[in-house]
Full PDB file with SEQRES, HELIX, SHEET, SSBOND, CRYST1, ORIGX, SCALE, CONECT and MASTER records, all heavy atoms in Angstrom:
SEQRES   1 A   36  LEU TRP SER HIS HIS PRO ALA VAL ASN HIS GLU ASP ALA          
SEQRES   2 A   36  ARG TYR TYR ALA MET GLY ARG GLU GLY GLY GLY ILE TRP          
SEQRES   3 A   36  LYS ARG VAL GLY TYR SER LEU SER ARG ARG                      
HELIX    1 AA1 HIS A    5  VAL A    8  1                                   4    
HELIX    2 AA2 ALA A   13  ALA A   17  5                                   5    
HELIX    3 AA3 GLY A   19  GLY A   22  5                                   4    
HELIX    4 AA4 ILE A   25  ARG A   35  1                                  11    
CRYST1    1.000    1.000    1.000  90.00  90.00  90.00 P 1           1          
ORIGX1      1.000000  0.000000  0.000000        0.00000                         
ORIGX2      0.000000  1.000000  0.000000        0.00000                         
ORIGX3      0.000000  0.000000  1.000000        0.00000                         
SCALE1      1.000000  0.000000  0.000000        0.00000                         
SCALE2      0.000000  1.000000  0.000000        0.00000                         
SCALE3      0.000000  0.000000  1.000000        0.00000                         
ATOM      1  N   LEU A   1      26.467  15.857  43.004  1.00  0.00           N  
ATOM      2  CA  LEU A   1      26.960  15.740  41.629  1.00  0.00           C  
ATOM      3  C   LEU A   1      27.947  16.903  41.388  1.00  0.00           C  
ATOM      4  O   LEU A   1      28.935  16.872  40.743  1.00  0.00           O  
ATOM      5  CB  LEU A   1      25.926  15.614  40.611  1.00  0.00           C  
ATOM      6  CG  LEU A   1      25.194  14.278  40.647  1.00  0.00           C  
ATOM      7  CD1 LEU A   1      24.054  14.314  39.667  1.00  0.00           C  
ATOM      8  CD2 LEU A   1      26.207  13.139  40.348  1.00  0.00           C  
ATOM      9  N   TRP A   2      27.496  18.118  41.662  1.00  0.00           N  
ATOM     10  CA  TRP A   2      28.210  19.345  41.423  1.00  0.00           C  
ATOM     11  C   TRP A   2      29.463  19.383  42.215  1.00  0.00           C  
ATOM     12  O   TRP A   2      30.456  19.752  41.715  1.00  0.00           O  
ATOM     13  CB  TRP A   2      27.415  20.559  41.859  1.00  0.00           C  
ATOM     14  CG  TRP A   2      28.111  21.840  41.459  1.00  0.00           C  
ATOM     15  CD1 TRP A   2      28.604  22.691  42.312  1.00  0.00           C  
ATOM     16  CD2 TRP A   2      28.141  22.353  40.237  1.00  0.00           C  
ATOM     17  NE1 TRP A   2      29.192  23.656  41.724  1.00  0.00           N  
ATOM     18  CE2 TRP A   2      28.756  23.720  40.401  1.00  0.00           C  
ATOM     19  CE3 TRP A   2      27.700  22.105  38.971  1.00  0.00           C  
ATOM     20  CZ2 TRP A   2      29.177  24.376  39.369  1.00  0.00           C  
ATOM     21  CZ3 TRP A   2      28.032  22.852  37.936  1.00  0.00           C  
ATOM     22  CH2 TRP A   2      28.765  24.116  38.055  1.00  0.00           C  
ATOM     23  N   SER A   3      29.496  18.901  43.425  1.00  0.00           N  
ATOM     24  CA  SER A   3      30.819  18.846  44.208  1.00  0.00           C  
ATOM     25  C   SER A   3      31.813  17.969  43.668  1.00  0.00           C  
ATOM     26  O   SER A   3      33.037  18.141  43.914  1.00  0.00           O  
ATOM     27  CB  SER A   3      30.508  18.735  45.695  1.00  0.00           C  
ATOM     28  OG  SER A   3      30.081  17.332  45.932  1.00  0.00           O  
ATOM     29  N   HIS A   4      31.359  16.752  43.189  1.00  0.00           N  
ATOM     30  CA  HIS A   4      32.283  15.719  42.751  1.00  0.00           C  
ATOM     31  C   HIS A   4      32.542  15.713  41.145  1.00  0.00           C  
ATOM     32  O   HIS A   4      33.411  14.999  40.751  1.00  0.00           O  
ATOM     33  CB  HIS A   4      31.781  14.388  43.166  1.00  0.00           C  
ATOM     34  CG  HIS A   4      31.863  14.105  44.626  1.00  0.00           C  
ATOM     35  ND1 HIS A   4      33.031  13.881  45.204  1.00  0.00           N  
ATOM     36  CD2 HIS A   4      30.874  14.148  45.557  1.00  0.00           C  
ATOM     37  CE1 HIS A   4      32.928  13.826  46.452  1.00  0.00           C  
ATOM     38  NE2 HIS A   4      31.553  13.839  46.624  1.00  0.00           N  
ATOM     39  N   HIS A   5      31.881  16.599  40.488  1.00  0.00           N  
ATOM     40  CA  HIS A   5      32.082  16.733  39.035  1.00  0.00           C  
ATOM     41  C   HIS A   5      33.565  17.018  38.694  1.00  0.00           C  
ATOM     42  O   HIS A   5      34.056  16.147  37.857  1.00  0.00           O  
ATOM     43  CB  HIS A   5      31.252  17.724  38.485  1.00  0.00           C  
ATOM     44  CG  HIS A   5      31.325  17.705  36.913  1.00  0.00           C  
ATOM     45  ND1 HIS A   5      32.058  18.673  36.290  1.00  0.00           N  
ATOM     46  CD2 HIS A   5      30.595  17.108  35.890  1.00  0.00           C  
ATOM     47  CE1 HIS A   5      32.059  18.565  35.027  1.00  0.00           C  
ATOM     48  NE2 HIS A   5      31.125  17.657  34.831  1.00  0.00           N  
ATOM     49  N   PRO A   6      34.219  17.993  39.218  1.00  0.00           N  
ATOM     50  CA  PRO A   6      35.730  18.144  38.911  1.00  0.00           C  
ATOM     51  C   PRO A   6      36.499  16.966  39.195  1.00  0.00           C  
ATOM     52  O   PRO A   6      37.468  16.590  38.541  1.00  0.00           O  
ATOM     53  CB  PRO A   6      35.959  19.255  39.800  1.00  0.00           C  
ATOM     54  CG  PRO A   6      34.727  20.056  40.052  1.00  0.00           C  
ATOM     55  CD  PRO A   6      33.723  19.017  40.086  1.00  0.00           C  
ATOM     56  N   ALA A   7      36.296  16.316  40.332  1.00  0.00           N  
ATOM     57  CA  ALA A   7      37.118  15.081  40.729  1.00  0.00           C  
ATOM     58  C   ALA A   7      36.973  13.966  39.753  1.00  0.00           C  
ATOM     59  O   ALA A   7      37.906  13.361  39.453  1.00  0.00           O  
ATOM     60  CB  ALA A   7      36.671  14.638  42.156  1.00  0.00           C  
ATOM     61  N   VAL A   8      35.700  13.689  39.333  1.00  0.00           N  
ATOM     62  CA  VAL A   8      35.454  12.615  38.542  1.00  0.00           C  
ATOM     63  C   VAL A   8      36.050  12.897  37.099  1.00  0.00           C  
ATOM     64  O   VAL A   8      36.586  11.894  36.451  1.00  0.00           O  
ATOM     65  CB  VAL A   8      33.910  12.342  38.260  1.00  0.00           C  
ATOM     66  CG1 VAL A   8      33.575  11.520  37.263  1.00  0.00           C  
ATOM     67  CG2 VAL A   8      33.392  11.801  39.646  1.00  0.00           C  
ATOM     68  N   ASN A   9      36.009  14.092  36.590  1.00  0.00           N  
ATOM     69  CA  ASN A   9      36.530  14.383  35.311  1.00  0.00           C  
ATOM     70  C   ASN A   9      37.895  14.880  35.307  1.00  0.00           C  
ATOM     71  O   ASN A   9      38.512  15.341  34.206  1.00  0.00           O  
ATOM     72  CB  ASN A   9      35.625  15.418  34.659  1.00  0.00           C  
ATOM     73  CG  ASN A   9      34.259  14.986  34.257  1.00  0.00           C  
ATOM     74  OD1 ASN A   9      34.158  13.941  33.824  1.00  0.00           O  
ATOM     75  ND2 ASN A   9      33.267  15.796  34.433  1.00  0.00           N  
ATOM     76  N   HIS A  10      38.592  14.683  36.544  1.00  0.00           N  
ATOM     77  CA  HIS A  10      40.008  15.065  36.615  1.00  0.00           C  
ATOM     78  C   HIS A  10      40.207  16.584  36.239  1.00  0.00           C  
ATOM     79  O   HIS A  10      41.227  16.808  35.487  1.00  0.00           O  
ATOM     80  CB  HIS A  10      40.925  14.093  35.894  1.00  0.00           C  
ATOM     81  CG  HIS A  10      40.702  12.652  36.240  1.00  0.00           C  
ATOM     82  ND1 HIS A  10      41.017  12.208  37.443  1.00  0.00           N  
ATOM     83  CD2 HIS A  10      40.169  11.682  35.620  1.00  0.00           C  
ATOM     84  CE1 HIS A  10      40.677  11.001  37.465  1.00  0.00           C  
ATOM     85  NE2 HIS A  10      40.172  10.613  36.321  1.00  0.00           N  
ATOM     86  N   GLU A  11      39.322  17.407  36.545  1.00  0.00           N  
ATOM     87  CA  GLU A  11      39.625  18.757  36.209  1.00  0.00           C  
ATOM     88  C   GLU A  11      40.235  19.564  37.259  1.00  0.00           C  
ATOM     89  O   GLU A  11      40.067  19.329  38.524  1.00  0.00           O  
ATOM     90  CB  GLU A  11      38.209  19.435  35.941  1.00  0.00           C  
ATOM     91  CG  GLU A  11      37.503  18.868  34.712  1.00  0.00           C  
ATOM     92  CD  GLU A  11      36.062  19.458  34.651  1.00  0.00           C  
ATOM     93  OE1 GLU A  11      35.546  20.086  35.599  1.00  0.00           O  
ATOM     94  OE2 GLU A  11      35.324  19.175  33.681  1.00  0.00           O  
ATOM     95  N   ASP A  12      40.976  20.548  36.888  1.00  0.00           N  
ATOM     96  CA  ASP A  12      41.654  21.326  37.875  1.00  0.00           C  
ATOM     97  C   ASP A  12      40.929  22.649  38.010  1.00  0.00           C  
ATOM     98  O   ASP A  12      40.595  23.420  37.123  1.00  0.00           O  
ATOM     99  CB  ASP A  12      43.018  21.756  37.235  1.00  0.00           C  
ATOM    100  CG  ASP A  12      43.875  22.531  38.279  1.00  0.00           C  
ATOM    101  OD1 ASP A  12      43.345  22.896  39.340  1.00  0.00           O  
ATOM    102  OD2 ASP A  12      45.000  22.935  37.906  1.00  0.00           O  
ATOM    103  N   ALA A  13      40.327  22.850  39.294  1.00  0.00           N  
ATOM    104  CA  ALA A  13      39.339  23.935  39.602  1.00  0.00           C  
ATOM    105  C   ALA A  13      40.083  25.283  39.338  1.00  0.00           C  
ATOM    106  O   ALA A  13      39.451  26.304  38.974  1.00  0.00           O  
ATOM    107  CB  ALA A  13      38.885  23.887  41.009  1.00  0.00           C  
ATOM    108  N   ARG A  14      41.483  25.283  39.390  1.00  0.00           N  
ATOM    109  CA  ARG A  14      42.104  26.575  39.275  1.00  0.00           C  
ATOM    110  C   ARG A  14      42.080  27.105  37.815  1.00  0.00           C  
ATOM    111  O   ARG A  14      42.234  28.173  37.517  1.00  0.00           O  
ATOM    112  CB  ARG A  14      43.571  26.460  39.755  1.00  0.00           C  
ATOM    113  CG  ARG A  14      43.750  26.175  41.154  1.00  0.00           C  
ATOM    114  CD  ARG A  14      44.998  25.718  41.559  1.00  0.00           C  
ATOM    115  NE  ARG A  14      45.405  24.543  40.881  1.00  0.00           N  
ATOM    116  CZ  ARG A  14      46.502  23.973  40.957  1.00  0.00           C  
ATOM    117  NH1 ARG A  14      47.535  24.524  41.512  1.00  0.00           N  
ATOM    118  NH2 ARG A  14      46.749  22.823  40.367  1.00  0.00           N  
ATOM    119  N   TYR A  15      41.853  26.024  36.953  1.00  0.00           N  
ATOM    120  CA  TYR A  15      41.968  26.364  35.565  1.00  0.00           C  
ATOM    121  C   TYR A  15      40.844  27.298  35.165  1.00  0.00           C  
ATOM    122  O   TYR A  15      41.068  28.381  34.386  1.00  0.00           O  
ATOM    123  CB  TYR A  15      41.679  25.115  34.717  1.00  0.00           C  
ATOM    124  CG  TYR A  15      41.466  25.322  33.234  1.00  0.00           C  
ATOM    125  CD1 TYR A  15      42.309  25.834  32.331  1.00  0.00           C  
ATOM    126  CD2 TYR A  15      40.071  25.123  32.788  1.00  0.00           C  
ATOM    127  CE1 TYR A  15      41.998  25.866  31.076  1.00  0.00           C  
ATOM    128  CE2 TYR A  15      39.781  25.220  31.429  1.00  0.00           C  
ATOM    129  CZ  TYR A  15      40.693  25.720  30.590  1.00  0.00           C  
ATOM    130  OH  TYR A  15      40.418  25.907  29.260  1.00  0.00           O  
ATOM    131  N   TYR A  16      39.677  27.217  35.836  1.00  0.00           N  
ATOM    132  CA  TYR A  16      38.540  28.223  35.392  1.00  0.00           C  
ATOM    133  C   TYR A  16      38.651  29.542  36.068  1.00  0.00           C  
ATOM    134  O   TYR A  16      37.975  30.506  35.665  1.00  0.00           O  
ATOM    135  CB  TYR A  16      37.247  27.414  35.890  1.00  0.00           C  
ATOM    136  CG  TYR A  16      37.024  26.225  35.031  1.00  0.00           C  
ATOM    137  CD1 TYR A  16      37.236  24.975  35.635  1.00  0.00           C  
ATOM    138  CD2 TYR A  16      36.502  26.212  33.808  1.00  0.00           C  
ATOM    139  CE1 TYR A  16      37.027  23.760  34.938  1.00  0.00           C  
ATOM    140  CE2 TYR A  16      36.372  25.091  33.048  1.00  0.00           C  
ATOM    141  CZ  TYR A  16      36.486  23.897  33.693  1.00  0.00           C  
ATOM    142  OH  TYR A  16      36.253  22.726  32.872  1.00  0.00           O  
ATOM    143  N   ALA A  17      39.606  29.767  36.947  1.00  0.00           N  
ATOM    144  CA  ALA A  17      39.687  31.013  37.585  1.00  0.00           C  
ATOM    145  C   ALA A  17      40.714  31.893  36.815  1.00  0.00           C  
ATOM    146  O   ALA A  17      41.122  32.958  37.196  1.00  0.00           O  
ATOM    147  CB  ALA A  17      40.263  30.846  38.959  1.00  0.00           C  
ATOM    148  N   MET A  18      41.193  31.452  35.581  1.00  0.00           N  
ATOM    149  CA  MET A  18      42.134  32.283  34.838  1.00  0.00           C  
ATOM    150  C   MET A  18      41.641  33.522  34.391  1.00  0.00           C  
ATOM    151  O   MET A  18      42.363  34.604  34.238  1.00  0.00           O  
ATOM    152  CB  MET A  18      42.679  31.354  33.648  1.00  0.00           C  
ATOM    153  CG  MET A  18      43.523  30.208  34.046  1.00  0.00           C  
ATOM    154  SD  MET A  18      43.967  29.144  32.760  1.00  0.00           S  
ATOM    155  CE  MET A  18      44.863  30.185  31.618  1.00  0.00           C  
ATOM    156  N   GLY A  19      40.379  33.527  33.902  1.00  0.00           N  
ATOM    157  CA  GLY A  19      39.723  34.817  33.494  1.00  0.00           C  
ATOM    158  C   GLY A  19      40.267  35.243  32.269  1.00  0.00           C  
ATOM    159  O   GLY A  19      40.928  34.394  31.497  1.00  0.00           O  
ATOM    160  N   ARG A  20      40.063  36.563  31.809  1.00  0.00           N  
ATOM    161  CA  ARG A  20      40.514  36.979  30.497  1.00  0.00           C  
ATOM    162  C   ARG A  20      42.055  37.250  30.484  1.00  0.00           C  
ATOM    163  O   ARG A  20      42.640  37.161  29.470  1.00  0.00           O  
ATOM    164  CB  ARG A  20      39.789  38.301  30.216  1.00  0.00           C  
ATOM    165  CG  ARG A  20      38.345  38.232  29.849  1.00  0.00           C  
ATOM    166  CD  ARG A  20      37.860  39.443  29.300  1.00  0.00           C  
ATOM    167  NE  ARG A  20      36.367  39.265  28.983  1.00  0.00           N  
ATOM    168  CZ  ARG A  20      35.997  38.955  27.797  1.00  0.00           C  
ATOM    169  NH1 ARG A  20      36.744  38.661  26.838  1.00  0.00           N  
ATOM    170  NH2 ARG A  20      34.670  38.923  27.648  1.00  0.00           N  
ATOM    171  N   GLU A  21      42.613  37.329  31.649  1.00  0.00           N  
ATOM    172  CA  GLU A  21      44.029  37.599  31.703  1.00  0.00           C  
ATOM    173  C   GLU A  21      44.854  36.399  31.580  1.00  0.00           C  
ATOM    174  O   GLU A  21      46.155  36.287  31.507  1.00  0.00           O  
ATOM    175  CB  GLU A  21      44.392  38.237  33.141  1.00  0.00           C  
ATOM    176  CG  GLU A  21      43.874  39.589  33.289  1.00  0.00           C  
ATOM    177  CD  GLU A  21      42.525  39.608  33.837  1.00  0.00           C  
ATOM    178  OE1 GLU A  21      41.999  38.572  34.462  1.00  0.00           O  
ATOM    179  OE2 GLU A  21      41.665  40.467  33.506  1.00  0.00           O  
ATOM    180  N   GLY A  22      44.154  35.213  31.337  1.00  0.00           N  
ATOM    181  CA  GLY A  22      44.807  33.861  31.310  1.00  0.00           C  
ATOM    182  C   GLY A  22      45.458  33.554  30.035  1.00  0.00           C  
ATOM    183  O   GLY A  22      46.036  32.597  29.907  1.00  0.00           O  
ATOM    184  N   GLY A  23      45.241  34.371  29.004  1.00  0.00           N  
ATOM    185  CA  GLY A  23      45.837  34.155  27.751  1.00  0.00           C  
ATOM    186  C   GLY A  23      44.934  33.737  26.622  1.00  0.00           C  
ATOM    187  O   GLY A  23      45.269  33.389  25.425  1.00  0.00           O  
ATOM    188  N   GLY A  24      43.740  33.814  26.867  1.00  0.00           N  
ATOM    189  CA  GLY A  24      42.666  33.624  25.789  1.00  0.00           C  
ATOM    190  C   GLY A  24      42.274  32.127  25.636  1.00  0.00           C  
ATOM    191  O   GLY A  24      42.788  31.153  26.326  1.00  0.00           O  
ATOM    192  N   ILE A  25      41.591  31.883  24.548  1.00  0.00           N  
ATOM    193  CA  ILE A  25      40.932  30.535  24.387  1.00  0.00           C  
ATOM    194  C   ILE A  25      41.845  29.574  23.913  1.00  0.00           C  
ATOM    195  O   ILE A  25      41.783  28.494  24.355  1.00  0.00           O  
ATOM    196  CB  ILE A  25      39.824  30.710  23.390  1.00  0.00           C  
ATOM    197  CG1 ILE A  25      39.043  29.296  23.445  1.00  0.00           C  
ATOM    198  CG2 ILE A  25      40.241  31.047  22.030  1.00  0.00           C  
ATOM    199  CD1 ILE A  25      37.717  29.463  22.714  1.00  0.00           C  
ATOM    200  N   TRP A  26      43.004  29.944  23.177  1.00  0.00           N  
ATOM    201  CA  TRP A  26      43.828  28.892  22.676  1.00  0.00           C  
ATOM    202  C   TRP A  26      44.752  28.408  23.794  1.00  0.00           C  
ATOM    203  O   TRP A  26      45.122  27.301  23.886  1.00  0.00           O  
ATOM    204  CB  TRP A  26      44.661  29.505  21.519  1.00  0.00           C  
ATOM    205  CG  TRP A  26      43.826  29.732  20.382  1.00  0.00           C  
ATOM    206  CD1 TRP A  26      43.466  30.817  19.837  1.00  0.00           C  
ATOM    207  CD2 TRP A  26      43.112  28.729  19.631  1.00  0.00           C  
ATOM    208  NE1 TRP A  26      42.606  30.676  18.818  1.00  0.00           N  
ATOM    209  CE2 TRP A  26      42.255  29.419  18.650  1.00  0.00           C  
ATOM    210  CE3 TRP A  26      42.931  27.331  19.733  1.00  0.00           C  
ATOM    211  CZ2 TRP A  26      41.427  28.730  17.764  1.00  0.00           C  
ATOM    212  CZ3 TRP A  26      42.039  26.734  18.974  1.00  0.00           C  
ATOM    213  CH2 TRP A  26      41.419  27.297  17.857  1.00  0.00           C  
ATOM    214  N   LYS A  27      45.045  29.227  24.842  1.00  0.00           N  
ATOM    215  CA  LYS A  27      45.844  28.857  25.918  1.00  0.00           C  
ATOM    216  C   LYS A  27      44.948  27.859  26.697  1.00  0.00           C  
ATOM    217  O   LYS A  27      45.484  26.837  27.200  1.00  0.00           O  
ATOM    218  CB  LYS A  27      46.267  29.989  26.920  1.00  0.00           C  
ATOM    219  CG  LYS A  27      47.241  29.554  27.934  1.00  0.00           C  
ATOM    220  CD  LYS A  27      47.663  30.765  28.833  1.00  0.00           C  
ATOM    221  CE  LYS A  27      48.616  30.170  29.930  1.00  0.00           C  
ATOM    222  NZ  LYS A  27      49.173  31.158  30.649  1.00  0.00           N  
ATOM    223  N   ARG A  28      43.742  28.162  26.784  1.00  0.00           N  
ATOM    224  CA  ARG A  28      42.806  27.221  27.602  1.00  0.00           C  
ATOM    225  C   ARG A  28      42.692  25.898  26.919  1.00  0.00           C  
ATOM    226  O   ARG A  28      42.701  24.877  27.523  1.00  0.00           O  
ATOM    227  CB  ARG A  28      41.418  27.934  27.651  1.00  0.00           C  
ATOM    228  CG  ARG A  28      41.395  29.127  28.668  1.00  0.00           C  
ATOM    229  CD  ARG A  28      40.021  29.727  28.690  1.00  0.00           C  
ATOM    230  NE  ARG A  28      39.969  30.939  29.589  1.00  0.00           N  
ATOM    231  CZ  ARG A  28      39.485  30.811  30.799  1.00  0.00           C  
ATOM    232  NH1 ARG A  28      38.927  29.655  31.215  1.00  0.00           N  
ATOM    233  NH2 ARG A  28      39.402  31.887  31.566  1.00  0.00           N  
ATOM    234  N   VAL A  29      42.475  25.909  25.637  1.00  0.00           N  
ATOM    235  CA  VAL A  29      42.452  24.685  24.906  1.00  0.00           C  
ATOM    236  C   VAL A  29      43.707  23.869  25.084  1.00  0.00           C  
ATOM    237  O   VAL A  29      43.743  22.730  25.151  1.00  0.00           O  
ATOM    238  CB  VAL A  29      42.132  24.950  23.292  1.00  0.00           C  
ATOM    239  CG1 VAL A  29      42.379  23.771  22.491  1.00  0.00           C  
ATOM    240  CG2 VAL A  29      40.761  25.584  23.227  1.00  0.00           C  
ATOM    241  N   GLY A  30      44.905  24.547  24.844  1.00  0.00           N  
ATOM    242  CA  GLY A  30      46.167  23.797  25.039  1.00  0.00           C  
ATOM    243  C   GLY A  30      46.267  23.280  26.413  1.00  0.00           C  
ATOM    244  O   GLY A  30      46.771  22.072  26.630  1.00  0.00           O  
ATOM    245  N   TYR A  31      46.008  23.936  27.414  1.00  0.00           N  
ATOM    246  CA  TYR A  31      45.936  23.583  28.817  1.00  0.00           C  
ATOM    247  C   TYR A  31      45.000  22.423  28.984  1.00  0.00           C  
ATOM    248  O   TYR A  31      45.487  21.326  29.599  1.00  0.00           O  
ATOM    249  CB  TYR A  31      45.570  24.683  29.842  1.00  0.00           C  
ATOM    250  CG  TYR A  31      45.578  24.224  31.268  1.00  0.00           C  
ATOM    251  CD1 TYR A  31      46.807  24.204  31.927  1.00  0.00           C  
ATOM    252  CD2 TYR A  31      44.421  23.881  31.827  1.00  0.00           C  
ATOM    253  CE1 TYR A  31      46.847  23.807  33.212  1.00  0.00           C  
ATOM    254  CE2 TYR A  31      44.427  23.517  33.216  1.00  0.00           C  
ATOM    255  CZ  TYR A  31      45.635  23.515  33.903  1.00  0.00           C  
ATOM    256  OH  TYR A  31      45.672  22.997  35.168  1.00  0.00           O  
ATOM    257  N   SER A  32      43.808  22.418  28.464  1.00  0.00           N  
ATOM    258  CA  SER A  32      42.840  21.380  28.580  1.00  0.00           C  
ATOM    259  C   SER A  32      43.354  20.089  27.934  1.00  0.00           C  
ATOM    260  O   SER A  32      43.285  19.000  28.511  1.00  0.00           O  
ATOM    261  CB  SER A  32      41.532  21.795  27.970  1.00  0.00           C  
ATOM    262  OG  SER A  32      40.687  20.700  27.987  1.00  0.00           O  
ATOM    263  N   LEU A  33      43.930  20.284  26.737  1.00  0.00           N  
ATOM    264  CA  LEU A  33      44.399  19.076  26.030  1.00  0.00           C  
ATOM    265  C   LEU A  33      45.675  18.340  26.814  1.00  0.00           C  
ATOM    266  O   LEU A  33      45.794  17.189  26.918  1.00  0.00           O  
ATOM    267  CB  LEU A  33      44.894  19.339  24.580  1.00  0.00           C  
ATOM    268  CG  LEU A  33      43.618  19.723  23.681  1.00  0.00           C  
ATOM    269  CD1 LEU A  33      44.094  20.087  22.407  1.00  0.00           C  
ATOM    270  CD2 LEU A  33      42.698  18.546  23.507  1.00  0.00           C  
ATOM    271  N   SER A  34      46.508  19.336  27.359  1.00  0.00           N  
ATOM    272  CA  SER A  34      47.738  18.806  28.158  1.00  0.00           C  
ATOM    273  C   SER A  34      47.241  18.048  29.297  1.00  0.00           C  
ATOM    274  O   SER A  34      48.014  17.166  29.758  1.00  0.00           O  
ATOM    275  CB  SER A  34      48.591  19.933  28.434  1.00  0.00           C  
ATOM    276  OG  SER A  34      48.091  20.680  29.508  1.00  0.00           O  
ATOM    277  N   ARG A  35      46.134  18.213  29.992  1.00  0.00           N  
ATOM    278  CA  ARG A  35      45.681  17.610  31.032  1.00  0.00           C  
ATOM    279  C   ARG A  35      44.852  16.372  30.849  1.00  0.00           C  
ATOM    280  O   ARG A  35      44.751  15.454  31.598  1.00  0.00           O  
ATOM    281  CB  ARG A  35      44.767  18.419  32.009  1.00  0.00           C  
ATOM    282  CG  ARG A  35      45.391  19.694  32.389  1.00  0.00           C  
ATOM    283  CD  ARG A  35      46.616  19.316  33.426  1.00  0.00           C  
ATOM    284  NE  ARG A  35      47.291  20.531  33.651  1.00  0.00           N  
ATOM    285  CZ  ARG A  35      48.638  20.587  33.597  1.00  0.00           C  
ATOM    286  NH1 ARG A  35      49.327  19.586  33.334  1.00  0.00           N  
ATOM    287  NH2 ARG A  35      49.160  21.750  33.961  1.00  0.00           N  
ATOM    288  N   ARG A  36      44.479  16.148  29.497  1.00  0.00           N  
ATOM    289  CA  ARG A  36      43.624  14.942  29.201  1.00  0.00           C  
ATOM    290  C   ARG A  36      44.515  13.845  28.952  1.00  0.00           C  
ATOM    291  O   ARG A  36      44.158  12.617  29.264  1.00  0.00           O  
ATOM    292  CB  ARG A  36      42.944  15.232  27.874  1.00  0.00           C  
ATOM    293  CG  ARG A  36      41.445  15.641  28.010  1.00  0.00           C  
ATOM    294  CD  ARG A  36      40.829  14.711  29.123  1.00  0.00           C  
ATOM    295  NE  ARG A  36      39.280  15.053  29.005  1.00  0.00           N  
ATOM    296  CZ  ARG A  36      38.538  14.704  30.006  1.00  0.00           C  
ATOM    297  NH1 ARG A  36      39.023  14.257  31.068  1.00  0.00           N  
ATOM    298  NH2 ARG A  36      37.302  14.944  29.831  1.00  0.00           N  
TER     299      ARG A  36                                                      
MASTER        0    0    0    4    0    0    0    6  298    1    0    3          
END                                                                             
């Protein structure tokens, strides 16, 4: 389940590696919505 969770939910594993330098929560929210 853990290995297939990102594939089933169409998640980009690279998204979670952005860290604090990624632009903050609003950039993450915007990215998430754009992928949905």
